[in-house]
Amino acid sequence: MKNDLRTQPGIGERARATLPLRVLVTAQPFGFGPAAAMAQVFDYLRPRVHHLAFAGAGHTCDIHMQLPYDAVFRLPADGCDEAFRRLCADHDASLISCDFPAGEAAKAAGIPVGFYDPIPWFWPQWPSVFESADLYMCQDFFGVRERVRDAGRQNVVIVPPMSPSLSRAGAKRGRHALVNLGGICNPLHSQEASVSYARLIMTIIPAAARLYPEVHVATSQSIVDHIQREVPAARTIPPRGAQHLLGTSELAAMTPGLGNIYEAAALAKRVFWLPPANASQGQQLVMLQQRGLAPFASDWHDILPARAPIDYWRPDPTVAKYIADAIHDALNDPGAVERLRTLFLQAHRAPATPNPLSSLLDQFGAGGARYVAEIFVQRVLAPLAGAAGNLAL
């Protein structure tokens, strides 16, 4: 079984045809990672199908509304899965990023499913859609290859990270800093907790503004609506724009989501990792620190030294409560705010060194958006259109 797509030469090299199909894309409303991944896949999938639509709940639509889909559907907060199932009935296939109920809804509607899993290493058990999806695409990271090999399923492939296939050298750095909070919002946190997290991180903005002529702040629109009065620089930035800012910034302060980690590996000069906003971010930060890949970081116990380190391997709801409590305590503790600011300043003042994260690209690759689009076309859409023999990629 060829689980590593990089062993398959010639992807995307032959002529590409537009398939007469209607394809529906969606992404899990958990942070920005799943939605941002599909926004990057858009560029490669758009020319391959006759009709391409996006359906999403909450902040997942923030960046997709700006892309030239044939249609964008905002799903209701309640009854989201049923609404998505009804939309599936009007489409020929679906591409889904990390939304397990949506995957089951699409299968219930009777259409083929391509499923993209950005963090397959994280789940204690494979989700049911792992078996039911026509194609299950796993983003590579530590432990993924071993887990996929042990599963031994023909519908599962490993794809390179979503990090852009851009030169690490040659980017002209501007005198600016980027603070990227990602989407922050997720079903395990209240809106209040997410906004409080943003307000806590915004306490480093005055210090950053004294160091850099420009400070850019990226997050979801719902968070922007709460903090823009105090921080006018806050805005929702499409993936390409965020990548440009990251690639030209002197320093980036980012949440340790895997999408941010891989983009930082490809584009960043220096990264200051913000306290984790969820369990997967916490585990990822620990893994980076264990390998010496995160020299500048702030975990919750760093800014709240009286607190024991959070065990990010506990069940998701438990970790979410620990993080929500830490957010509340830190925001109301001037000492915690000062420690966060001090750690940020240390990252700014440290001598320049090569970005240690670049080793991730050597190990896991880059350019996953193109792989996801092409393998989805090859394995799901082309056979559906009855053209598998003529559209080998």
Protein backbone atom coordinates (compact mmCIF):
# COMPACT_ATOMS: atom_id res chain seq x y z
CA MET A 1 0.00 0.00 0.00
CA LYS A 2 1.39 3.37 -1.01
CA ASN A 3 0.57 5.58 1.91
CA ASP A 4 3.11 8.30 1.19
CA LEU A 5 2.03 10.23 -1.89
CA ARG A 6 5.56 11.48 -2.39
CA THR A 7 6.37 7.99 -3.65
CA GLN A 8 3.98 8.53 -6.55
CA PRO A 9 5.78 10.56 -9.27
CA GLY A 10 4.10 12.76 -11.78
CA ILE A 11 1.28 14.16 -9.70
CA GLY A 12 -0.23 17.10 -11.57
CA GLU A 13 2.15 16.86 -14.52
CA ARG A 14 -0.31 15.87 -17.26
CA ALA A 15 -3.03 17.99 -18.82
CA ARG A 16 -5.90 18.71 -16.49
CA ALA A 17 -9.54 18.48 -17.52
CA THR A 18 -12.52 20.12 -15.86
CA LEU A 19 -14.91 17.46 -14.61
CA PRO A 20 -18.67 18.02 -15.02
CA LEU A 21 -19.31 17.58 -11.31
CA ARG A 22 -20.76 19.53 -8.40
CA VAL A 23 -18.46 19.36 -5.37
CA LEU A 24 -19.26 20.57 -1.85
CA VAL A 25 -16.45 21.51 0.56
CA THR A 26 -16.72 21.98 4.31
CA ALA A 27 -14.45 22.30 7.35
CA GLN A 28 -14.76 21.71 11.07
CA PRO A 29 -15.43 24.95 13.02
CA PHE A 30 -12.52 24.33 15.40
CA GLY A 31 -10.00 27.13 15.22
CA PHE A 32 -8.91 28.22 11.75
CA GLY A 33 -6.82 25.18 10.81
CA PRO A 34 -9.39 23.01 9.00
CA ALA A 35 -10.95 25.98 7.17
CA ALA A 36 -7.58 27.50 6.23
CA ALA A 37 -6.48 24.16 4.79
CA MET A 38 -9.47 24.04 2.46
CA ALA A 39 -8.89 27.66 1.44
CA GLN A 40 -5.43 26.61 0.24
CA VAL A 41 -6.81 23.55 -1.56
CA PHE A 42 -9.29 25.83 -3.36
CA ASP A 43 -6.68 27.17 -5.80
CA TYR A 44 -5.95 23.67 -7.11
CA LEU A 45 -9.48 22.24 -7.00
CA ARG A 46 -11.35 25.20 -8.50
CA PRO A 47 -10.20 24.62 -12.12
CA ARG A 48 -10.86 20.88 -11.90
CA VAL A 49 -14.63 20.88 -11.37
CA HIS A 50 -17.58 22.56 -13.04
CA HIS A 51 -19.26 23.67 -9.79
CA LEU A 52 -17.50 24.19 -6.45
CA ALA A 53 -19.37 25.24 -3.29
CA PHE A 54 -18.45 25.74 0.35
CA ALA A 55 -20.71 25.16 3.36
CA GLY A 56 -19.62 26.06 6.86
CA ALA A 57 -20.78 27.04 10.31
CA GLY A 58 -19.60 29.99 12.37
CA HIS A 59 -16.17 31.39 11.62
CA THR A 60 -15.32 28.77 8.98
CA CYS A 61 -16.94 31.01 6.37
CA ASP A 62 -14.82 34.04 7.26
CA ILE A 63 -12.05 33.31 4.76
CA HIS A 64 -14.12 31.29 2.28
CA MET A 65 -16.55 34.15 1.64
CA GLN A 66 -13.64 35.93 -0.04
CA LEU A 67 -12.95 33.10 -2.52
CA PRO A 68 -14.71 32.79 -5.91
CA TYR A 69 -16.84 29.74 -5.21
CA ASP A 70 -19.99 29.14 -7.20
CA ALA A 71 -21.85 29.22 -3.90
CA VAL A 72 -21.13 29.64 -0.17
CA PHE A 73 -23.67 28.37 2.37
CA ARG A 74 -23.68 29.42 6.02
CA LEU A 75 -24.86 26.49 8.09
CA PRO A 76 -26.95 27.05 11.24
CA ALA A 77 -25.36 26.53 14.63
CA ASP A 78 -28.18 24.11 15.51
CA GLY A 79 -28.95 21.31 13.08
CA CYS A 80 -25.73 21.88 11.18
CA ASP A 81 -25.24 18.21 10.24
CA GLU A 82 -28.77 17.80 8.89
CA ALA A 83 -28.47 21.02 6.88
CA PHE A 84 -25.20 19.77 5.42
CA ARG A 85 -26.75 16.40 4.55
CA ARG A 86 -29.51 18.17 2.60
CA LEU A 87 -26.94 20.20 0.69
CA CYS A 88 -25.04 17.03 -0.13
CA ALA A 89 -28.10 15.71 -1.94
CA ASP A 90 -27.58 18.48 -4.54
CA HIS A 91 -23.91 17.65 -5.10
CA ASP A 92 -21.96 14.79 -6.60
CA ALA A 93 -19.14 14.54 -4.02
CA SER A 94 -17.81 16.23 -0.91
CA LEU A 95 -14.36 17.21 0.35
CA ILE A 96 -14.34 17.56 4.14
CA SER A 97 -11.68 18.90 6.47
CA CYS A 98 -11.68 17.34 9.94
CA ASP A 99 -15.47 17.46 10.44
CA PHE A 100 -16.39 13.89 11.40
CA PRO A 101 -20.20 14.38 11.65
CA ALA A 102 -20.15 16.07 8.23
CA GLY A 103 -18.36 13.05 6.81
CA GLU A 104 -21.05 10.75 8.13
CA ALA A 105 -23.78 13.11 6.88
CA ALA A 106 -22.30 13.08 3.37
CA LYS A 107 -22.16 9.29 3.37
CA ALA A 108 -25.77 9.18 4.59
CA ALA A 109 -26.69 11.39 1.63
CA GLY A 110 -25.14 8.78 -0.65
CA ILE A 111 -22.29 10.79 -2.17
CA PRO A 112 -18.55 9.94 -2.26
CA VAL A 113 -16.40 11.57 0.41
CA GLY A 114 -12.80 12.71 0.43
CA PHE A 115 -11.77 13.42 4.02
CA TYR A 116 -8.76 15.51 5.02
CA ASP A 117 -7.43 14.96 8.54
CA PRO A 118 -4.82 17.57 9.57
CA ILE A 119 -4.01 15.89 12.91
CA PRO A 120 -4.38 12.09 12.51
CA TRP A 121 -1.70 11.54 15.17
CA PHE A 122 -3.94 13.20 17.79
CA TRP A 123 -7.06 11.02 17.98
CA PRO A 124 -7.08 8.32 20.70
CA GLN A 125 -9.03 6.16 18.25
CA TRP A 126 -9.65 6.48 14.53
CA PRO A 127 -13.06 8.10 13.86
CA SER A 128 -15.74 6.03 12.11
CA VAL A 129 -15.36 8.09 8.91
CA PHE A 130 -11.83 6.66 8.72
CA GLU A 131 -13.44 3.48 7.41
CA SER A 132 -16.46 4.90 5.60
CA ALA A 133 -14.74 7.65 3.58
CA ASP A 134 -13.88 6.82 -0.01
CA LEU A 135 -10.54 8.57 0.56
CA TYR A 136 -8.98 9.51 3.91
CA MET A 137 -6.01 11.89 3.63
CA CYS A 138 -3.68 12.21 6.62
CA GLN A 139 -1.35 15.20 7.00
CA ASP A 140 2.12 13.95 7.87
CA PHE A 141 3.61 14.65 11.31
CA PHE A 142 5.39 12.76 14.06
CA GLY A 143 3.86 9.29 14.45
CA VAL A 144 1.49 9.50 11.47
CA ARG A 145 3.28 7.07 9.16
CA GLU A 146 3.46 4.41 11.83
CA ARG A 147 -0.20 4.80 12.74
CA VAL A 148 -1.36 4.65 9.11
CA ARG A 149 0.83 1.64 8.40
CA ASP A 150 -0.61 -0.22 11.38
CA ALA A 151 -4.17 0.55 10.21
CA GLY A 152 -3.48 -1.10 6.84
CA ARG A 153 -6.43 0.43 4.95
CA GLN A 154 -6.47 0.97 1.20
CA ASN A 155 -8.58 4.15 1.41
CA VAL A 156 -5.95 5.95 3.52
CA VAL A 157 -3.06 8.00 2.15
CA ILE A 158 -0.50 10.32 3.72
CA VAL A 159 -0.10 13.78 2.25
CA PRO A 160 2.62 16.38 2.91
CA PRO A 161 1.95 19.33 5.20
CA MET A 162 -0.13 22.27 4.04
CA SER A 163 2.92 24.53 4.29
CA PRO A 164 3.48 26.44 1.06
CA SER A 165 6.11 25.24 -1.40
CA LEU A 166 8.01 28.50 -1.22
CA SER A 167 11.69 29.28 -0.97
CA ARG A 168 12.85 29.70 2.62
CA ALA A 169 15.44 32.23 1.55
CA GLY A 170 14.85 35.34 -0.48
CA ALA A 171 11.89 36.81 1.41
CA LYS A 172 12.53 40.48 2.06
CA ARG A 173 11.82 41.17 5.71
CA GLY A 174 9.88 44.27 6.63
CA ARG A 175 10.06 46.09 9.91
CA HIS A 176 6.87 44.55 11.17
CA ALA A 177 5.61 41.88 13.55
CA LEU A 178 2.71 39.49 13.14
CA VAL A 179 0.46 38.26 15.95
CA ASN A 180 -1.58 35.33 14.62
CA LEU A 181 -4.23 33.97 16.97
CA GLY A 182 -5.77 31.61 14.45
CA GLY A 183 -9.52 31.16 14.78
CA ILE A 184 -9.35 30.48 18.57
CA CYS A 185 -13.07 29.64 18.69
CA ASN A 186 -13.95 25.99 19.18
CA PRO A 187 -16.93 24.02 20.52
CA LEU A 188 -15.14 23.20 23.80
CA HIS A 189 -14.71 26.86 24.77
CA SER A 190 -17.29 29.51 25.44
CA GLN A 191 -17.16 32.64 23.34
CA GLU A 192 -16.24 34.49 26.51
CA ALA A 193 -13.17 32.29 27.03
CA SER A 194 -12.05 32.76 23.43
CA VAL A 195 -12.41 36.54 23.65
CA SER A 196 -10.59 36.57 27.00
CA TYR A 197 -7.73 34.60 25.44
CA ALA A 198 -7.49 37.21 22.68
CA ARG A 199 -7.54 40.07 25.20
CA LEU A 200 -4.75 38.41 27.17
CA ILE A 201 -2.55 38.08 24.08
CA MET A 202 -3.33 41.65 23.06
CA THR A 203 -1.48 42.81 26.19
CA ILE A 204 1.79 42.29 24.26
CA ILE A 205 0.70 44.68 21.50
CA PRO A 206 1.89 47.92 23.19
CA ALA A 207 5.36 46.40 23.68
CA ALA A 208 5.39 45.15 20.10
CA ALA A 209 4.32 48.55 18.80
CA ARG A 210 7.30 50.18 20.50
CA LEU A 211 9.64 47.74 18.74
CA TYR A 212 8.12 47.55 15.26
CA PRO A 213 6.64 50.30 13.06
CA GLU A 214 3.78 47.94 12.11
CA VAL A 215 2.09 45.17 14.10
CA HIS A 216 -0.46 43.01 12.29
CA VAL A 217 -3.03 40.99 14.23
CA ALA A 218 -4.84 38.08 12.55
CA THR A 219 -7.83 36.20 13.95
CA SER A 220 -11.44 35.26 13.18
CA GLN A 221 -14.08 37.91 12.54
CA SER A 222 -16.03 37.11 15.70
CA ILE A 223 -12.91 37.84 17.76
CA VAL A 224 -12.12 40.95 15.70
CA ASP A 225 -15.59 42.30 16.50
CA HIS A 226 -14.78 42.12 20.22
CA ILE A 227 -11.26 43.54 20.27
CA GLN A 228 -10.97 45.91 17.31
CA ARG A 229 -11.90 48.98 19.35
CA GLU A 230 -8.86 48.43 21.58
CA VAL A 231 -6.70 46.93 18.81
CA PRO A 232 -7.55 48.51 15.45
CA ALA A 233 -4.93 46.35 13.73
CA ALA A 234 -6.98 43.19 14.39
CA ARG A 235 -8.55 41.71 11.26
CA THR A 236 -9.33 38.49 9.46
CA ILE A 237 -6.60 37.81 6.90
CA PRO A 238 -6.94 35.25 4.07
CA PRO A 239 -4.30 32.47 4.07
CA ARG A 240 -2.24 33.98 1.26
CA GLY A 241 -2.14 37.34 3.01
CA ALA A 242 -1.21 35.76 6.34
CA GLN A 243 1.55 33.78 4.63
CA HIS A 244 2.92 36.94 3.04
CA LEU A 245 2.98 38.74 6.38
CA LEU A 246 4.62 35.76 8.06
CA GLY A 247 7.23 35.53 5.32
CA THR A 248 8.16 39.19 5.62
CA SER A 249 7.89 39.72 9.40
CA GLU A 250 10.82 40.06 11.76
CA LEU A 251 8.96 38.25 14.52
CA ALA A 252 5.72 36.29 14.58
CA ALA A 253 3.77 35.49 17.75
CA MET A 254 1.47 32.57 16.96
CA THR A 255 -0.76 29.96 18.53
CA PRO A 256 0.88 26.51 18.18
CA GLY A 257 -1.65 24.99 15.80
CA LEU A 258 -0.18 22.57 13.28
CA GLY A 259 -1.05 24.83 10.35
CA ASN A 260 0.83 27.69 12.00
CA ILE A 261 3.74 25.39 12.82
CA TYR A 262 4.16 24.24 9.24
CA GLU A 263 3.76 27.74 7.80
CA ALA A 264 6.34 28.99 10.28
CA ALA A 265 8.69 26.22 9.17
CA ALA A 266 8.43 27.41 5.57
CA LEU A 267 8.26 31.17 6.03
CA ALA A 268 9.14 32.53 9.47
CA LYS A 269 12.34 34.20 10.56
CA ARG A 270 11.59 33.88 14.28
CA VAL A 271 8.53 32.62 16.15
CA PHE A 272 7.27 33.23 19.67
CA TRP A 273 4.73 30.52 20.50
CA LEU A 274 1.72 31.74 22.46
CA PRO A 275 0.07 29.67 25.22
CA PRO A 276 -1.93 26.75 23.76
CA ALA A 277 -5.62 27.37 23.20
CA ASN A 278 -6.60 23.68 23.02
CA ALA A 279 -5.26 20.17 23.67
CA SER A 280 -3.73 19.51 20.26
CA GLN A 281 -1.88 22.83 20.37
CA GLY A 282 -0.55 21.95 23.80
CA GLN A 283 0.66 18.52 22.70
CA GLN A 284 2.26 20.00 19.59
CA LEU A 285 4.09 22.64 21.61
CA VAL A 286 5.43 19.95 23.96
CA MET A 287 6.59 17.84 21.00
CA LEU A 288 8.41 20.81 19.49
CA GLN A 289 10.06 21.70 22.79
CA GLN A 290 11.17 18.11 23.37
CA ARG A 291 12.95 18.24 20.00
CA GLY A 292 14.49 21.67 20.52
CA LEU A 293 12.31 23.22 17.82
CA ALA A 294 10.59 25.91 19.92
CA PRO A 295 13.24 28.05 21.63
CA PHE A 296 10.80 30.91 22.23
CA ALA A 297 7.51 29.86 23.79
CA SER A 298 5.07 30.58 26.62
CA ASP A 299 3.06 27.80 28.17
CA TRP A 300 0.49 28.49 30.87
CA HIS A 301 2.76 27.44 33.72
CA ASP A 302 5.41 29.86 32.41
CA ILE A 303 3.16 32.84 33.05
CA LEU A 304 1.31 31.30 36.02
CA PRO A 305 4.19 29.66 37.93
CA ALA A 306 1.96 28.65 40.85
CA ARG A 307 0.03 26.38 38.47
CA ALA A 308 1.22 22.89 37.61
CA PRO A 309 1.87 22.29 33.89
CA ILE A 310 -1.31 21.25 32.08
CA ASP A 311 -1.38 17.60 31.01
CA TYR A 312 -2.53 18.09 27.42
CA TRP A 313 -3.00 14.33 27.01
CA ARG A 314 -6.02 14.31 29.33
CA PRO A 315 -9.50 14.12 27.72
CA ASP A 316 -10.39 17.15 25.59
CA PRO A 317 -13.12 18.56 27.91
CA THR A 318 -10.76 18.33 30.89
CA VAL A 319 -7.97 20.13 29.06
CA ALA A 320 -10.42 22.75 27.83
CA LYS A 321 -11.46 23.49 31.42
CA TYR A 322 -7.84 23.74 32.55
CA ILE A 323 -7.11 26.19 29.74
CA ALA A 324 -10.25 28.25 30.41
CA ASP A 325 -9.26 28.51 34.08
CA ALA A 326 -5.72 29.53 33.12
CA ILE A 327 -7.04 32.19 30.72
CA HIS A 328 -9.22 33.66 33.47
CA ASP A 329 -6.43 33.64 36.04
CA ALA A 330 -3.82 35.10 33.70
CA LEU A 331 -6.04 37.90 32.42
CA ASN A 332 -6.74 38.96 36.00
CA ASP A 333 -3.14 38.67 37.20
CA PRO A 334 -0.85 41.62 36.38
CA GLY A 335 2.13 39.39 37.14
CA ALA A 336 1.04 36.87 34.47
CA VAL A 337 0.57 39.65 31.94
CA GLU A 338 4.04 40.97 32.72
CA ARG A 339 5.60 37.49 32.40
CA LEU A 340 3.98 37.03 28.99
CA ARG A 341 5.31 40.40 27.87
CA THR A 342 8.78 39.55 29.21
CA LEU A 343 8.89 36.27 27.29
CA PHE A 344 7.86 38.09 24.11
CA LEU A 345 10.62 40.66 24.63
CA GLN A 346 13.15 37.88 25.18
CA ALA A 347 12.20 36.39 21.81
CA HIS A 348 12.69 39.81 20.22
CA ARG A 349 16.09 40.42 21.81
CA ALA A 350 17.66 36.99 21.33
CA PRO A 351 20.52 36.75 18.81
CA ALA A 352 19.48 35.80 15.29
CA THR A 353 19.73 32.09 14.55
CA PRO A 354 18.44 29.85 11.72
CA ASN A 355 14.82 28.80 12.06
CA PRO A 356 14.96 25.33 13.69
CA LEU A 357 11.50 24.50 12.35
CA SER A 358 12.84 24.23 8.80
CA SER A 359 13.88 20.66 9.63
CA LEU A 360 10.17 19.76 9.63
CA LEU A 361 10.01 20.47 5.90
CA ASP A 362 13.01 18.24 5.29
CA GLN A 363 11.32 15.45 7.23
CA PHE A 364 7.68 15.80 6.14
CA GLY A 365 7.71 17.85 2.90
CA ALA A 366 5.51 20.76 1.84
CA GLY A 367 2.88 21.74 -0.72
CA GLY A 368 0.12 19.54 0.67
CA ALA A 369 -2.72 21.64 -0.75
CA ARG A 370 -1.85 20.57 -4.28
CA TYR A 371 -1.54 16.93 -3.24
CA VAL A 372 -4.93 16.96 -1.52
CA ALA A 373 -6.67 18.45 -4.55
CA GLU A 374 -4.99 16.16 -7.07
CA ILE A 375 -5.41 12.92 -5.16
CA PHE A 376 -9.06 13.79 -4.46
CA VAL A 377 -9.58 14.27 -8.18
CA GLN A 378 -7.68 11.10 -9.02
CA ARG A 379 -9.21 8.76 -6.46
CA VAL A 380 -12.74 10.16 -6.04
CA LEU A 381 -13.83 12.56 -8.77
CA ALA A 382 -12.33 11.03 -11.92
CA PRO A 383 -13.86 7.59 -11.31
CA LEU A 384 -17.15 9.30 -10.46
CA ALA A 385 -17.08 11.07 -13.81
CA GLY A 386 -16.33 7.82 -15.60
CA ALA A 387 -12.95 9.10 -16.78
CA ALA A 388 -10.44 7.36 -14.55
CA GLY A 389 -8.43 5.99 -17.46
CA ASN A 390 -8.13 9.36 -19.20
CA LEU A 391 -7.40 11.51 -16.17
CA ALA A 392 -4.48 9.74 -14.52
CA LEU A 393 -2.45 12.49 -12.91
